[in-house]
């Protein structure tokens, strides 16, 4: 029987940097098409390194990495960093246009897709605003719109909500689930928060300290979309306890 198809896969991957630092060792994982998976672990355990390998921004020292970007399908992968990384001199519209412009689409040609995406993330009224005029949450919405406008198959997110206040973080998390359901893309989401991982993910992979490897897998069987009061439920609290225990054991 052939293995189930994967959107991305790491098989016994190691990553050693030029400094000699071994960031990952014997790391294996697979993410199915349309799956939302979070990577949870202590600082420096290699979570962001995994994202960079999947994006083709770094190369594994050994092992096998399978991802769209490594097959020449760069447009099928989008990356959202912890900081919004918006161009301060450009409007929201122009920031979201950037990946389409790099792909050869002119402003008029791309306008329909951009305006649709800005409406999708709640920024339709801010298309002509500059980043300095936006709140932190709005900047992150613009960054996510820029990532989603290419209609990628794989979205890599490196602690995108870490710098936001709790209310904004929770609201953006709920919106992210809605956008994910609408586009049915695969998401690999890096976080330090047990609570965020439990609220958003279908599956959580807990990593050991450096050199990082997957030491625990938690399948979250709650259906998506989840009810607004999911974070108040006994199921959510139990999941958080299990993840906290796994993270503590991994230290």
Protein backbone atom coordinates (compact mmCIF):
# COMPACT_ATOMS: atom_id res chain seq x y z
CA UNK A 1 0.00 0.00 0.00
CA UNK A 2 1.47 3.37 -1.02
CA UNK A 3 1.89 6.06 1.65
CA UNK A 4 -0.69 8.84 1.91
CA UNK A 5 0.20 11.93 -0.13
CA UNK A 6 1.94 14.75 1.72
CA UNK A 7 2.06 18.47 1.10
CA UNK A 8 5.51 18.49 2.74
CA UNK A 9 7.77 15.85 4.25
CA UNK A 10 11.03 15.72 6.18
CA UNK A 11 12.76 12.36 6.47
CA UNK A 12 15.59 12.02 9.02
CA UNK A 13 16.73 15.57 8.38
CA UNK A 14 19.77 17.12 10.03
CA UNK A 15 20.82 20.75 9.74
CA UNK A 16 24.26 21.90 10.83
CA UNK A 17 25.19 25.54 10.27
CA UNK A 18 28.61 26.81 9.24
CA UNK A 19 29.30 27.73 12.88
CA UNK A 20 29.07 24.05 13.77
CA UNK A 21 25.70 24.44 15.49
CA UNK A 22 23.52 21.37 15.02
CA UNK A 23 19.97 22.76 14.85
CA UNK A 24 18.10 19.61 13.77
CA UNK A 25 18.97 15.93 13.97
CA UNK A 26 17.01 12.91 12.72
CA UNK A 27 13.92 15.10 12.30
CA UNK A 28 10.98 13.56 10.45
CA UNK A 29 7.49 14.90 9.84
CA UNK A 30 4.79 14.95 7.21
CA UNK A 31 1.90 17.34 6.60
CA UNK A 32 -1.07 16.24 4.52
CA UNK A 33 -2.70 18.43 1.87
CA UNK A 34 -5.12 20.81 3.57
CA UNK A 35 -3.83 20.02 7.08
CA UNK A 36 -3.11 22.61 9.81
CA UNK A 37 -0.07 21.52 11.84
CA UNK A 38 1.67 23.50 14.59
CA UNK A 39 5.27 23.12 15.73
CA UNK A 40 5.64 23.69 19.46
CA UNK A 41 8.88 23.71 21.40
CA UNK A 42 11.45 25.69 23.40
CA UNK A 43 13.37 28.60 21.91
CA UNK A 44 16.21 27.50 19.65
CA UNK A 45 14.87 23.99 19.05
CA UNK A 46 14.79 24.38 15.25
CA UNK A 47 11.15 25.25 14.58
CA UNK A 48 12.02 28.21 12.34
CA UNK A 49 14.78 26.18 10.70
CA UNK A 50 12.16 23.65 9.58
CA UNK A 51 10.12 26.44 7.98
CA UNK A 52 13.20 27.76 6.18
CA UNK A 53 13.98 24.28 4.85
CA UNK A 54 10.41 23.90 3.58
CA UNK A 55 10.58 27.33 1.93
CA UNK A 56 13.87 26.53 0.23
CA UNK A 57 15.65 29.30 2.14
CA UNK A 58 18.06 26.79 3.71
CA UNK A 59 19.38 23.39 2.64
CA UNK A 60 19.42 20.31 4.86
CA UNK A 61 22.81 18.89 5.80
CA UNK A 62 21.44 15.37 5.45
CA UNK A 63 18.12 13.63 5.03
CA UNK A 64 15.32 14.35 2.59
CA UNK A 65 13.04 17.39 2.32
CA UNK A 66 10.00 17.38 0.04
CA UNK A 67 8.12 20.66 -0.48
CA UNK A 68 6.61 22.61 -3.40
CA UNK A 69 9.35 25.26 -3.31
CA UNK A 70 12.01 22.59 -3.79
CA UNK A 71 10.27 21.34 -6.92
CA UNK A 72 10.40 24.75 -8.60
CA UNK A 73 6.83 25.60 -7.53
CA UNK A 74 7.71 28.72 -5.54
CA UNK A 75 4.31 30.34 -6.13
CA UNK A 76 2.70 27.43 -4.29
CA UNK A 77 4.45 28.40 -1.03
CA UNK A 78 3.97 31.57 1.04
CA UNK A 79 5.81 32.62 4.21
CA UNK A 80 4.48 34.88 6.98
CA UNK A 81 7.15 36.03 9.42
CA UNK A 82 6.80 37.20 13.03
CA UNK A 83 7.19 40.81 11.86
CA UNK A 84 4.86 41.97 9.05
CA UNK A 85 7.87 43.14 6.92
CA UNK A 86 5.74 45.61 4.97
CA UNK A 87 7.37 48.21 2.74
CA UNK A 88 6.81 51.49 4.65
CA UNK A 89 6.81 53.63 1.52
CA UNK A 90 4.07 51.58 -0.18
CA UNK A 91 0.33 51.49 0.41
CA UNK A 92 -1.45 48.39 1.65
CA UNK A 93 -2.59 47.72 -1.93
CA UNK A 94 0.98 48.00 -3.21
CA UNK A 95 2.34 45.75 -0.46
CA UNK A 96 -0.16 43.03 -1.29
CA UNK A 97 0.55 43.50 -4.99
CA UNK A 98 4.28 42.73 -4.50
CA UNK A 99 4.29 38.94 -5.13
CA UNK A 100 1.94 39.33 -8.12
CA UNK A 101 4.10 42.14 -9.50
CA UNK A 102 7.19 39.97 -9.15
CA UNK A 103 5.29 37.30 -11.08
CA UNK A 104 4.73 39.78 -13.93
CA UNK A 105 1.20 41.02 -13.19
CA UNK A 106 0.59 44.73 -13.73
CA UNK A 107 -1.39 46.85 -11.29
CA UNK A 108 -4.60 46.79 -13.30
CA UNK A 109 -4.34 43.07 -13.99
CA UNK A 110 -3.82 42.28 -10.30
CA UNK A 111 -6.35 44.75 -8.88
CA UNK A 112 -9.33 42.38 -8.74
CA UNK A 113 -7.39 39.69 -6.86
CA UNK A 114 -5.86 42.24 -4.47
CA UNK A 115 -9.14 43.99 -3.67
CA UNK A 116 -10.83 40.62 -3.15
CA UNK A 117 -8.10 39.54 -0.74
CA UNK A 118 -8.18 42.84 1.16
CA UNK A 119 -11.92 42.39 1.63
CA UNK A 120 -11.25 38.81 2.71
CA UNK A 121 -8.94 39.94 5.55
CA UNK A 122 -11.01 42.99 6.53
CA UNK A 123 -8.78 45.69 5.02
CA UNK A 124 -10.90 46.86 2.09
CA UNK A 125 -11.19 50.35 3.59
CA UNK A 126 -7.42 50.60 4.06
CA UNK A 127 -6.17 49.78 0.56
CA UNK A 128 -4.59 53.26 0.20
CA UNK A 129 -3.26 53.50 3.76
CA UNK A 130 0.44 53.23 4.59
CA UNK A 131 1.84 50.81 7.19
CA UNK A 132 2.52 53.63 9.66
CA UNK A 133 -1.22 54.30 9.72
CA UNK A 134 -2.12 50.72 10.70
CA UNK A 135 -2.36 48.97 14.05
CA UNK A 136 -0.21 45.90 14.74
CA UNK A 137 -3.08 43.57 13.97
CA UNK A 138 -3.88 45.37 10.72
CA UNK A 139 -0.23 45.17 9.64
CA UNK A 140 -0.32 41.42 10.19
CA UNK A 141 -3.57 41.17 8.22
CA UNK A 142 -1.84 42.97 5.35
CA UNK A 143 1.09 40.58 5.58
CA UNK A 144 -1.23 37.58 5.50
CA UNK A 145 -3.15 39.08 2.56
CA UNK A 146 0.15 39.40 0.68
CA UNK A 147 0.84 35.73 1.38
CA UNK A 148 -2.62 34.51 0.41
CA UNK A 149 -3.07 36.59 -2.73
CA UNK A 150 -1.01 34.12 -4.77
CA UNK A 151 -3.39 31.32 -3.71
CA UNK A 152 -0.58 29.12 -2.36
CA UNK A 153 -0.95 25.44 -1.52
CA UNK A 154 1.37 25.76 1.49
CA UNK A 155 1.45 28.56 4.06
CA UNK A 156 4.41 28.73 6.47
CA UNK A 157 3.87 30.94 9.53
CA UNK A 158 6.65 31.76 11.99
CA UNK A 159 5.05 33.04 15.22
CA UNK A 160 2.92 35.54 13.29
CA UNK A 161 0.88 36.70 16.30
CA UNK A 162 3.60 36.72 18.96
CA UNK A 163 3.92 40.52 19.16
CA UNK A 164 0.17 41.18 19.37
CA UNK A 165 -2.03 41.69 22.41
CA UNK A 166 -4.10 38.72 23.54
CA UNK A 167 -7.43 39.97 22.19
CA UNK A 168 -6.00 40.75 18.75
CA UNK A 169 -4.11 37.46 18.75
CA UNK A 170 -7.27 35.49 19.50
CA UNK A 171 -9.28 37.34 16.87
CA UNK A 172 -6.64 36.84 14.18
CA UNK A 173 -6.39 33.17 15.10
CA UNK A 174 -10.12 32.74 14.55
CA UNK A 175 -9.88 34.59 11.24
CA UNK A 176 -6.92 32.46 10.17
CA UNK A 177 -9.02 29.33 10.65
CA UNK A 178 -11.74 30.88 8.50
CA UNK A 179 -9.26 31.75 5.72
CA UNK A 180 -7.71 28.28 5.95
CA UNK A 181 -11.13 26.65 5.61
CA UNK A 182 -11.96 28.84 2.61
CA UNK A 183 -8.73 28.06 0.71
CA UNK A 184 -8.02 24.55 2.06
CA UNK A 185 -4.28 25.12 1.98
CA UNK A 186 -1.75 23.33 4.17
CA UNK A 187 -0.42 25.38 7.09
CA UNK A 188 2.72 24.80 9.15
CA UNK A 189 2.48 27.16 12.10
CA UNK A 190 5.31 27.83 14.57
CA UNK A 191 4.38 28.96 18.07
CA UNK A 192 5.66 28.96 21.64
CA UNK A 193 2.10 29.00 22.99
CA UNK A 194 0.43 25.77 24.09
CA UNK A 195 -2.90 27.64 24.13
CA UNK A 196 -2.52 28.91 20.57
CA UNK A 197 -1.44 25.53 19.24
CA UNK A 198 -4.39 23.80 20.92
CA UNK A 199 -6.88 26.36 19.62
CA UNK A 200 -5.78 26.41 15.99
CA UNK A 201 -4.30 23.08 14.99
CA UNK A 202 -5.51 19.74 13.76
CA UNK A 203 -2.22 18.28 14.94
CA UNK A 204 0.58 19.57 17.16
CA UNK A 205 4.19 18.35 16.94
CA UNK A 206 6.27 18.96 20.07
CA UNK A 207 10.01 19.35 19.57
CA UNK A 208 12.93 18.62 21.89
CA UNK A 209 15.59 21.21 22.75
CA UNK A 210 18.41 21.63 20.23
CA UNK A 211 19.22 19.61 18.27
CA UNK A 212 15.53 19.53 17.55
CA UNK A 213 13.53 16.47 16.73
CA UNK A 214 9.85 15.57 17.02
CA UNK A 215 9.24 13.89 20.38
CA UNK A 216 5.45 14.05 20.70
CA UNK A 217 2.47 14.19 18.36
CA UNK A 218 -0.92 15.38 19.58
CA UNK A 219 -3.91 14.90 17.28
CA UNK A 220 -6.70 17.35 18.11
CA UNK A 221 -9.93 15.69 17.09
CA UNK A 222 -12.18 18.70 17.58
CA UNK A 223 -13.97 19.59 14.31
CA UNK A 224 -13.29 22.76 12.34
CA UNK A 225 -14.56 25.41 12.33
CA UNK A 226 -14.54 25.35 16.11
CA UNK A 227 -17.24 27.13 18.12
CA UNK A 228 -16.47 30.58 19.50
CA UNK A 229 -16.44 29.24 23.06
CA UNK A 230 -14.05 26.35 22.30
CA UNK A 231 -11.32 27.91 24.45
CA UNK A 232 -13.68 27.74 27.44
CA UNK A 233 -14.46 24.05 26.99
CA UNK A 234 -13.21 21.15 29.09
CA UNK A 235 -11.87 19.52 25.91
CA UNK A 236 -9.65 22.51 25.19
CA UNK A 237 -8.37 22.61 28.76
CA UNK A 238 -7.54 18.88 28.61
CA UNK A 239 -5.64 19.34 25.34
CA UNK A 240 -3.66 22.21 26.84
CA UNK A 241 -2.76 20.09 29.86
CA UNK A 242 -1.55 17.23 27.66
CA UNK A 243 0.54 19.56 25.49
CA UNK A 244 1.99 21.29 28.54
CA UNK A 245 3.01 17.95 29.99
CA UNK A 246 4.59 16.87 26.69
CA UNK A 247 6.48 20.14 26.43
CA UNK A 248 7.71 19.84 30.02
CA UNK A 249 8.84 16.26 29.42
CA UNK A 250 10.69 17.33 26.27
CA UNK A 251 12.82 19.91 28.12
